[in-house]
Structures are given as C-alpha cells and as structure tokens.
All heavy atoms as atom14 arrays in JSON, in Angstrom:
{
  "sequence": "RKAEEARQQIAEGIDPGKIRRQEKAAKQLAKQNQGRQKE",
  "atom14_mask": [
    [1, 1, 1, 1, 1, 1, 1, 1, 1, 1, 1, 0, 0, 0],
    [1, 1, 1, 1, 1, 1, 1, 1, 1, 0, 0, 0, 0, 0],
    [1, 1, 1, 1, 1, 0, 0, 0, 0, 0, 0, 0, 0, 0],
    [1, 1, 1, 1, 1, 1, 1, 1, 1, 0, 0, 0, 0, 0],
    [1, 1, 1, 1, 1, 1, 1, 1, 1, 0, 0, 0, 0, 0],
    [1, 1, 1, 1, 1, 0, 0, 0, 0, 0, 0, 0, 0, 0],
    [1, 1, 1, 1, 1, 1, 1, 1, 1, 1, 1, 0, 0, 0],
    [1, 1, 1, 1, 1, 1, 1, 1, 1, 0, 0, 0, 0, 0],
    [1, 1, 1, 1, 1, 1, 1, 1, 1, 0, 0, 0, 0, 0],
    [1, 1, 1, 1, 1, 1, 1, 1, 0, 0, 0, 0, 0, 0],
    [1, 1, 1, 1, 1, 0, 0, 0, 0, 0, 0, 0, 0, 0],
    [1, 1, 1, 1, 1, 1, 1, 1, 1, 0, 0, 0, 0, 0],
    [1, 1, 1, 1, 0, 0, 0, 0, 0, 0, 0, 0, 0, 0],
    [1, 1, 1, 1, 1, 1, 1, 1, 0, 0, 0, 0, 0, 0],
    [1, 1, 1, 1, 1, 1, 1, 1, 0, 0, 0, 0, 0, 0],
    [1, 1, 1, 1, 1, 1, 1, 0, 0, 0, 0, 0, 0, 0],
    [1, 1, 1, 1, 0, 0, 0, 0, 0, 0, 0, 0, 0, 0],
    [1, 1, 1, 1, 1, 1, 1, 1, 1, 0, 0, 0, 0, 0],
    [1, 1, 1, 1, 1, 1, 1, 1, 0, 0, 0, 0, 0, 0],
    [1, 1, 1, 1, 1, 1, 1, 1, 1, 1, 1, 0, 0, 0],
    [1, 1, 1, 1, 1, 1, 1, 1, 1, 1, 1, 0, 0, 0],
    [1, 1, 1, 1, 1, 1, 1, 1, 1, 0, 0, 0, 0, 0],
    [1, 1, 1, 1, 1, 1, 1, 1, 1, 0, 0, 0, 0, 0],
    [1, 1, 1, 1, 1, 1, 1, 1, 1, 0, 0, 0, 0, 0],
    [1, 1, 1, 1, 1, 0, 0, 0, 0, 0, 0, 0, 0, 0],
    [1, 1, 1, 1, 1, 0, 0, 0, 0, 0, 0, 0, 0, 0],
    [1, 1, 1, 1, 1, 1, 1, 1, 1, 0, 0, 0, 0, 0],
    [1, 1, 1, 1, 1, 1, 1, 1, 1, 0, 0, 0, 0, 0],
    [1, 1, 1, 1, 1, 1, 1, 1, 0, 0, 0, 0, 0, 0],
    [1, 1, 1, 1, 1, 0, 0, 0, 0, 0, 0, 0, 0, 0],
    [1, 1, 1, 1, 1, 1, 1, 1, 1, 0, 0, 0, 0, 0],
    [1, 1, 1, 1, 1, 1, 1, 1, 1, 0, 0, 0, 0, 0],
    [1, 1, 1, 1, 1, 1, 1, 1, 0, 0, 0, 0, 0, 0],
    [1, 1, 1, 1, 1, 1, 1, 1, 1, 0, 0, 0, 0, 0],
    [1, 1, 1, 1, 0, 0, 0, 0, 0, 0, 0, 0, 0, 0],
    [1, 1, 1, 1, 1, 1, 1, 1, 1, 1, 1, 0, 0, 0],
    [1, 1, 1, 1, 1, 1, 1, 1, 1, 0, 0, 0, 0, 0],
    [1, 1, 1, 1, 1, 1, 1, 1, 1, 0, 0, 0, 0, 0],
    [1, 1, 1, 1, 1, 1, 1, 1, 1, 0, 0, 0, 0, 0]
  ],
  "atom14_positions": [
    [[8.68, 10.21, -11.88], [9.44, 9.4, -10.84], [8.6, 8.21, -10.45], [9.11, 7.14, -10.14], [9.7, 10.42, -9.62], [10.42, 9.7, -8.44], [10.65, 10.7, -7.31], [9.45, 11.35, -6.97], [8.49, 10.82, -6.16], [8.54, 9.64, -5.73], [7.41, 11.58, -5.79], [0.0, 0.0, 0.0], [0.0, 0.0, 0.0], [0.0, 0.0, 0.0]],
    [[7.32, 8.46, -10.22], [6.42, 7.34, -9.72], [6.44, 6.24, -10.87], [6.33, 5.06, -10.51], [5.0, 7.85, -9.42], [5.0, 8.76, -8.26], [3.52, 9.29, -8.07], [3.39, 10.21, -6.84], [2.05, 10.71, -6.64], [0.0, 0.0, 0.0], [0.0, 0.0, 0.0], [0.0, 0.0, 0.0], [0.0, 0.0, 0.0], [0.0, 0.0, 0.0]],
    [[6.43, 6.64, -12.07], [6.29, 5.69, -13.24], [7.61, 4.84, -13.19], [7.65, 3.64, -13.47], [6.17, 6.42, -14.5], [0.0, 0.0, 0.0], [0.0, 0.0, 0.0], [0.0, 0.0, 0.0], [0.0, 0.0, 0.0], [0.0, 0.0, 0.0], [0.0, 0.0, 0.0], [0.0, 0.0, 0.0], [0.0, 0.0, 0.0], [0.0, 0.0, 0.0]],
    [[8.79, 5.52, -12.98], [10.03, 4.78, -12.87], [10.13, 3.73, -11.82], [10.57, 2.64, -12.0], [11.25, 5.81, -12.86], [12.56, 5.1, -12.82], [12.9, 4.35, -13.94], [12.3, 4.57, -15.12], [13.5, 3.23, -13.9], [0.0, 0.0, 0.0], [0.0, 0.0, 0.0], [0.0, 0.0, 0.0], [0.0, 0.0, 0.0], [0.0, 0.0, 0.0]],
    [[9.6, 4.16, -10.62], [9.49, 3.28, -9.53], [8.64, 2.02, -9.81], [8.95, 0.94, -9.47], [8.93, 3.98, -8.28], [9.99, 5.0, -7.67], [9.3, 5.86, -6.58], [8.09, 5.59, -6.35], [9.98, 6.57, -6.01], [0.0, 0.0, 0.0], [0.0, 0.0, 0.0], [0.0, 0.0, 0.0], [0.0, 0.0, 0.0], [0.0, 0.0, 0.0]],
    [[7.57, 2.32, -10.57], [6.63, 1.22, -10.92], [7.3, 0.28, -11.94], [7.11, -0.94, -11.77], [5.3, 1.8, -11.5], [0.0, 0.0, 0.0], [0.0, 0.0, 0.0], [0.0, 0.0, 0.0], [0.0, 0.0, 0.0], [0.0, 0.0, 0.0], [0.0, 0.0, 0.0], [0.0, 0.0, 0.0], [0.0, 0.0, 0.0], [0.0, 0.0, 0.0]],
    [[7.98, 0.88, -12.92], [8.72, 0.04, -13.86], [9.73, -0.88, -13.18], [9.95, -2.03, -13.6], [9.29, 0.88, -14.95], [8.27, 1.46, -15.92], [8.93, 2.15, -17.17], [9.57, 3.34, -16.78], [8.98, 4.52, -16.96], [7.66, 4.66, -17.39], [9.66, 5.68, -16.59], [0.0, 0.0, 0.0], [0.0, 0.0, 0.0], [0.0, 0.0, 0.0]],
    [[10.43, -0.37, -12.27], [11.47, -1.08, -11.48], [10.82, -2.22, -10.69], [11.23, -3.35, -10.73], [12.18, -0.16, -10.51], [13.34, -0.9, -9.75], [14.39, -1.34, -10.65], [14.71, -0.68, -11.61], [14.98, -2.53, -10.34], [0.0, 0.0, 0.0], [0.0, 0.0, 0.0], [0.0, 0.0, 0.0], [0.0, 0.0, 0.0], [0.0, 0.0, 0.0]],
    [[9.65, -2.0, -10.05], [8.88, -3.08, -9.37], [8.47, -4.2, -10.39], [8.63, -5.32, -10.04], [7.72, -2.49, -8.72], [8.0, -1.7, -7.51], [6.8, -1.0, -6.88], [5.83, -0.69, -7.58], [6.87, -0.83, -5.56], [0.0, 0.0, 0.0], [0.0, 0.0, 0.0], [0.0, 0.0, 0.0], [0.0, 0.0, 0.0], [0.0, 0.0, 0.0]],
    [[7.96, -3.8, -11.61], [7.57, -4.78, -12.53], [8.73, -5.58, -12.96], [8.65, -6.83, -13.2], [6.89, -4.09, -13.8], [5.56, -3.3, -13.29], [6.6, -4.96, -14.89], [5.03, -2.4, -14.33], [0.0, 0.0, 0.0], [0.0, 0.0, 0.0], [0.0, 0.0, 0.0], [0.0, 0.0, 0.0], [0.0, 0.0, 0.0], [0.0, 0.0, 0.0]],
    [[9.95, -5.01, -13.17], [11.16, -5.69, -13.62], [11.52, -6.73, -12.58], [12.15, -7.7, -12.89], [12.19, -4.72, -13.82], [0.0, 0.0, 0.0], [0.0, 0.0, 0.0], [0.0, 0.0, 0.0], [0.0, 0.0, 0.0], [0.0, 0.0, 0.0], [0.0, 0.0, 0.0], [0.0, 0.0, 0.0], [0.0, 0.0, 0.0], [0.0, 0.0, 0.0]],
    [[11.14, -6.57, -11.21], [11.48, -7.44, -10.14], [10.34, -8.36, -9.93], [10.41, -9.18, -8.9], [11.73, -6.57, -8.9], [13.01, -5.63, -9.07], [13.18, -4.82, -7.75], [12.29, -4.81, -7.0], [14.15, -4.01, -7.82], [0.0, 0.0, 0.0], [0.0, 0.0, 0.0], [0.0, 0.0, 0.0], [0.0, 0.0, 0.0], [0.0, 0.0, 0.0]],
    [[9.33, -8.45, -10.74], [8.27, -9.31, -10.69], [7.24, -8.92, -9.62], [6.41, -9.73, -9.14], [0.0, 0.0, 0.0], [0.0, 0.0, 0.0], [0.0, 0.0, 0.0], [0.0, 0.0, 0.0], [0.0, 0.0, 0.0], [0.0, 0.0, 0.0], [0.0, 0.0, 0.0], [0.0, 0.0, 0.0], [0.0, 0.0, 0.0], [0.0, 0.0, 0.0]],
    [[7.18, -7.66, -9.25], [6.29, -7.14, -8.35], [5.15, -6.3, -9.03], [5.38, -5.54, -9.99], [6.91, -6.22, -7.28], [8.03, -7.09, -6.55], [5.93, -5.68, -6.25], [8.99, -6.16, -5.7], [0.0, 0.0, 0.0], [0.0, 0.0, 0.0], [0.0, 0.0, 0.0], [0.0, 0.0, 0.0], [0.0, 0.0, 0.0], [0.0, 0.0, 0.0]],
    [[3.92, -6.61, -8.66], [2.75, -5.83, -9.25], [2.55, -4.51, -8.44], [2.14, -4.59, -7.2], [1.57, -6.71, -9.1], [0.35, -5.98, -9.79], [0.47, -4.87, -10.03], [-0.69, -6.63, -9.92], [0.0, 0.0, 0.0], [0.0, 0.0, 0.0], [0.0, 0.0, 0.0], [0.0, 0.0, 0.0], [0.0, 0.0, 0.0], [0.0, 0.0, 0.0]],
    [[2.9, -3.37, -9.0], [2.75, -2.15, -8.25], [1.35, -1.85, -7.81], [1.11, -1.23, -6.78], [3.31, -1.12, -9.2], [3.16, -1.68, -10.6], [3.41, -3.2, -10.35], [0.0, 0.0, 0.0], [0.0, 0.0, 0.0], [0.0, 0.0, 0.0], [0.0, 0.0, 0.0], [0.0, 0.0, 0.0], [0.0, 0.0, 0.0], [0.0, 0.0, 0.0]],
    [[0.38, -2.35, -8.55], [-1.05, -2.13, -8.22], [-1.36, -2.88, -6.92], [-2.06, -2.33, -6.02], [0.0, 0.0, 0.0], [0.0, 0.0, 0.0], [0.0, 0.0, 0.0], [0.0, 0.0, 0.0], [0.0, 0.0, 0.0], [0.0, 0.0, 0.0], [0.0, 0.0, 0.0], [0.0, 0.0, 0.0], [0.0, 0.0, 0.0], [0.0, 0.0, 0.0]],
    [[-0.79, -4.07, -6.83], [-0.99, -4.89, -5.64], [-0.4, -4.16, -4.44], [-0.97, -4.17, -3.26], [-0.4, -6.36, -5.75], [-0.7, -7.27, -4.58], [-0.13, -8.66, -4.98], [-0.44, -9.66, -3.81], [0.09, -10.9, -4.14], [0.0, 0.0, 0.0], [0.0, 0.0, 0.0], [0.0, 0.0, 0.0], [0.0, 0.0, 0.0], [0.0, 0.0, 0.0]],
    [[0.88, -3.6, -4.61], [1.56, -2.94, -3.52], [0.64, -1.71, -3.1], [0.48, -1.46, -1.9], [2.94, -2.48, -3.92], [3.77, -3.68, -4.23], [3.55, -1.67, -2.9], [4.02, -4.61, -3.11], [0.0, 0.0, 0.0], [0.0, 0.0, 0.0], [0.0, 0.0, 0.0], [0.0, 0.0, 0.0], [0.0, 0.0, 0.0], [0.0, 0.0, 0.0]],
    [[0.1, -1.06, -4.04], [-0.72, 0.16, -3.74], [-1.96, -0.24, -2.84], [-2.33, 0.36, -1.98], [-1.23, 0.74, -5.09], [-2.22, 1.89, -4.95], [-1.67, 3.18, -4.6], [-0.77, 3.74, -5.55], [-1.14, 4.47, -6.65], [-2.39, 4.72, -6.91], [-0.22, 4.84, -7.58], [0.0, 0.0, 0.0], [0.0, 0.0, 0.0], [0.0, 0.0, 0.0]],
    [[-2.59, -1.4, -3.31], [-3.78, -1.87, -2.58], [-3.4, -2.24, -1.15], [-4.2, -2.01, -0.24], [-4.39, -2.9, -3.4], [-5.11, -2.57, -4.63], [-5.9, -3.65, -5.23], [-5.11, -4.86, -5.67], [-4.58, -4.92, -6.84], [-4.71, -3.95, -7.85], [-3.91, -6.01, -7.21], [0.0, 0.0, 0.0], [0.0, 0.0, 0.0], [0.0, 0.0, 0.0]],
    [[-2.19, -2.9, -1.05], [-1.91, -3.29, 0.34], [-1.56, -2.06, 1.19], [-1.9, -2.06, 2.34], [-0.59, -4.26, 0.22], [-0.88, -5.58, -0.3], [0.44, -6.36, -0.56], [1.53, -5.86, -0.47], [0.2, -7.73, -0.79], [0.0, 0.0, 0.0], [0.0, 0.0, 0.0], [0.0, 0.0, 0.0], [0.0, 0.0, 0.0], [0.0, 0.0, 0.0]],
    [[-0.95, -1.09, 0.62], [-0.65, 0.06, 1.48], [-1.91, 0.81, 1.82], [-2.03, 1.34, 2.98], [0.27, 1.02, 0.58], [1.69, 0.55, 0.42], [2.48, 1.31, -0.53], [1.85, 2.31, -1.23], [3.71, 1.23, -0.59], [0.0, 0.0, 0.0], [0.0, 0.0, 0.0], [0.0, 0.0, 0.0], [0.0, 0.0, 0.0], [0.0, 0.0, 0.0]],
    [[-2.92, 0.86, 0.89], [-4.19, 1.48, 1.15], [-4.89, 0.68, 2.27], [-5.47, 1.38, 3.25], [-5.06, 1.45, -0.13], [-6.38, 2.26, -0.01], [-7.11, 2.24, -1.31], [-8.39, 2.99, -1.13], [-9.25, 3.04, -2.32], [0.0, 0.0, 0.0], [0.0, 0.0, 0.0], [0.0, 0.0, 0.0], [0.0, 0.0, 0.0], [0.0, 0.0, 0.0]],
    [[-4.92, -0.62, 2.17], [-5.64, -1.42, 3.22], [-4.93, -1.31, 4.53], [-5.57, -1.15, 5.57], [-5.56, -2.92, 2.76], [0.0, 0.0, 0.0], [0.0, 0.0, 0.0], [0.0, 0.0, 0.0], [0.0, 0.0, 0.0], [0.0, 0.0, 0.0], [0.0, 0.0, 0.0], [0.0, 0.0, 0.0], [0.0, 0.0, 0.0], [0.0, 0.0, 0.0]],
    [[-3.55, -1.14, 4.62], [-2.81, -0.94, 5.84], [-3.2, 0.42, 6.42], [-3.27, 0.44, 7.67], [-1.33, -0.99, 5.6], [0.0, 0.0, 0.0], [0.0, 0.0, 0.0], [0.0, 0.0, 0.0], [0.0, 0.0, 0.0], [0.0, 0.0, 0.0], [0.0, 0.0, 0.0], [0.0, 0.0, 0.0], [0.0, 0.0, 0.0], [0.0, 0.0, 0.0]],
    [[-3.36, 1.55, 5.61], [-3.73, 2.71, 6.09], [-5.14, 2.69, 6.68], [-5.44, 3.26, 7.74], [-3.62, 3.82, 5.02], [-2.23, 4.18, 4.57], [-2.17, 5.14, 3.54], [-0.75, 5.62, 3.14], [-0.73, 6.53, 2.02], [0.0, 0.0, 0.0], [0.0, 0.0, 0.0], [0.0, 0.0, 0.0], [0.0, 0.0, 0.0], [0.0, 0.0, 0.0]],
    [[-6.04, 2.04, 5.98], [-7.43, 1.92, 6.48], [-7.44, 1.18, 7.77], [-8.25, 1.59, 8.67], [-8.24, 1.35, 5.39], [-8.53, 2.03, 4.13], [-9.36, 1.35, 3.1], [-9.37, 0.13, 3.06], [-9.96, 2.07, 2.22], [0.0, 0.0, 0.0], [0.0, 0.0, 0.0], [0.0, 0.0, 0.0], [0.0, 0.0, 0.0], [0.0, 0.0, 0.0]],
    [[-6.66, 0.06, 7.92], [-6.65, -0.71, 9.09], [-6.09, 0.11, 10.23], [-6.62, 0.01, 11.34], [-5.76, -1.94, 8.91], [-5.68, -2.95, 10.04], [-6.94, -3.49, 10.38], [-4.68, -4.01, 9.75], [0.0, 0.0, 0.0], [0.0, 0.0, 0.0], [0.0, 0.0, 0.0], [0.0, 0.0, 0.0], [0.0, 0.0, 0.0], [0.0, 0.0, 0.0]],
    [[-5.01, 0.98, 9.94], [-4.47, 1.76, 11.09], [-5.55, 2.78, 11.57], [-5.61, 2.99, 12.7], [-3.16, 2.42, 10.54], [0.0, 0.0, 0.0], [0.0, 0.0, 0.0], [0.0, 0.0, 0.0], [0.0, 0.0, 0.0], [0.0, 0.0, 0.0], [0.0, 0.0, 0.0], [0.0, 0.0, 0.0], [0.0, 0.0, 0.0], [0.0, 0.0, 0.0]],
    [[-6.21, 3.3, 10.6], [-7.27, 4.28, 10.98], [-8.33, 3.61, 11.79], [-8.76, 4.17, 12.84], [-7.89, 4.91, 9.72], [-8.85, 6.01, 10.03], [-9.35, 6.71, 8.76], [-10.32, 7.78, 8.98], [-10.73, 8.45, 7.8], [0.0, 0.0, 0.0], [0.0, 0.0, 0.0], [0.0, 0.0, 0.0], [0.0, 0.0, 0.0], [0.0, 0.0, 0.0]],
    [[-8.76, 2.34, 11.27], [-9.8, 1.66, 12.12], [-9.28, 1.31, 13.53], [-10.03, 1.41, 14.52], [-10.12, 0.35, 11.43], [-11.09, 0.52, 10.27], [-11.42, -0.9, 9.71], [-10.57, -1.45, 8.94], [-12.58, -1.35, 9.94], [0.0, 0.0, 0.0], [0.0, 0.0, 0.0], [0.0, 0.0, 0.0], [0.0, 0.0, 0.0], [0.0, 0.0, 0.0]],
    [[-8.01, 1.02, 13.62], [-7.55, 0.49, 14.92], [-7.37, 1.64, 15.79], [-7.57, 1.48, 17.04], [-6.17, -0.23, 14.62], [-6.25, -1.63, 14.25], [-7.35, -2.31, 14.51], [-5.33, -2.15, 13.48], [0.0, 0.0, 0.0], [0.0, 0.0, 0.0], [0.0, 0.0, 0.0], [0.0, 0.0, 0.0], [0.0, 0.0, 0.0], [0.0, 0.0, 0.0]],
    [[-7.1, 2.85, 15.33], [-7.01, 4.05, 16.18], [-8.39, 4.27, 16.79], [-8.45, 4.59, 18.06], [-6.63, 5.3, 15.28], [-5.08, 5.31, 14.98], [-4.76, 6.57, 14.19], [-5.65, 7.27, 13.74], [-3.46, 6.67, 13.93], [0.0, 0.0, 0.0], [0.0, 0.0, 0.0], [0.0, 0.0, 0.0], [0.0, 0.0, 0.0], [0.0, 0.0, 0.0]],
    [[-9.47, 4.17, 15.97], [-10.83, 4.27, 16.64], [-11.13, 3.31, 17.5], [-11.76, 3.43, 18.57], [0.0, 0.0, 0.0], [0.0, 0.0, 0.0], [0.0, 0.0, 0.0], [0.0, 0.0, 0.0], [0.0, 0.0, 0.0], [0.0, 0.0, 0.0], [0.0, 0.0, 0.0], [0.0, 0.0, 0.0], [0.0, 0.0, 0.0], [0.0, 0.0, 0.0]],
    [[-10.69, 2.01, 17.22], [-11.02, 0.86, 18.16], [-10.31, 1.03, 19.56], [-10.94, 0.79, 20.52], [-10.6, -0.56, 17.5], [-11.52, -0.85, 16.38], [-10.97, -2.12, 15.71], [-11.04, -3.31, 16.53], [-12.1, -4.09, 16.72], [-13.18, -3.88, 16.06], [-12.03, -5.22, 17.57], [0.0, 0.0, 0.0], [0.0, 0.0, 0.0], [0.0, 0.0, 0.0]],
    [[-9.0, 1.42, 19.51], [-8.39, 1.67, 20.66], [-8.86, 2.75, 21.51], [-8.89, 2.71, 22.76], [-6.82, 2.01, 20.33], [-6.02, 0.79, 19.85], [-4.64, 1.09, 19.52], [-4.26, 2.11, 18.8], [-3.7, 0.31, 20.15], [0.0, 0.0, 0.0], [0.0, 0.0, 0.0], [0.0, 0.0, 0.0], [0.0, 0.0, 0.0], [0.0, 0.0, 0.0]],
    [[-9.42, 3.84, 20.87], [-10.19, 4.83, 21.62], [-11.35, 4.37, 22.42], [-11.77, 4.77, 23.4], [-10.52, 6.08, 20.67], [-9.36, 6.89, 20.24], [-9.81, 8.01, 19.37], [-8.62, 8.84, 18.83], [-9.11, 9.97, 17.92], [0.0, 0.0, 0.0], [0.0, 0.0, 0.0], [0.0, 0.0, 0.0], [0.0, 0.0, 0.0], [0.0, 0.0, 0.0]],
    [[-11.94, 3.35, 21.76], [-13.13, 2.73, 22.31], [-12.84, 1.56, 23.24], [-13.77, 0.89, 23.82], [-14.07, 2.28, 21.19], [-14.59, 3.41, 20.35], [-15.45, 2.79, 19.1], [-15.72, 1.58, 19.09], [-15.84, 3.56, 18.29], [0.0, 0.0, 0.0], [0.0, 0.0, 0.0], [0.0, 0.0, 0.0], [0.0, 0.0, 0.0], [0.0, 0.0, 0.0]]
  ]
}
C-alpha cells in the first residue's frame, strides 16, 4: 500500500522522499515547540 502511494506521488511529479523528510521535520518542530512552550 505504501509503495502504491509512493508510485502515485511520483506520477504526479512529487518526490515521496521529500514529502517524508518534510513530515519528519514537521514532527521534530512540533516536538521542539512543545518543549519551548513549556519553558
């Protein structure tokens, strides 16, 4: 299922690896911001 989603993104001109990195960065940022808000 994940492979099919990735193939669909590639067909639409989207790099699934870039999307993965952006999602990872967003999660890291959200985690950082939770800590910053506590401080």
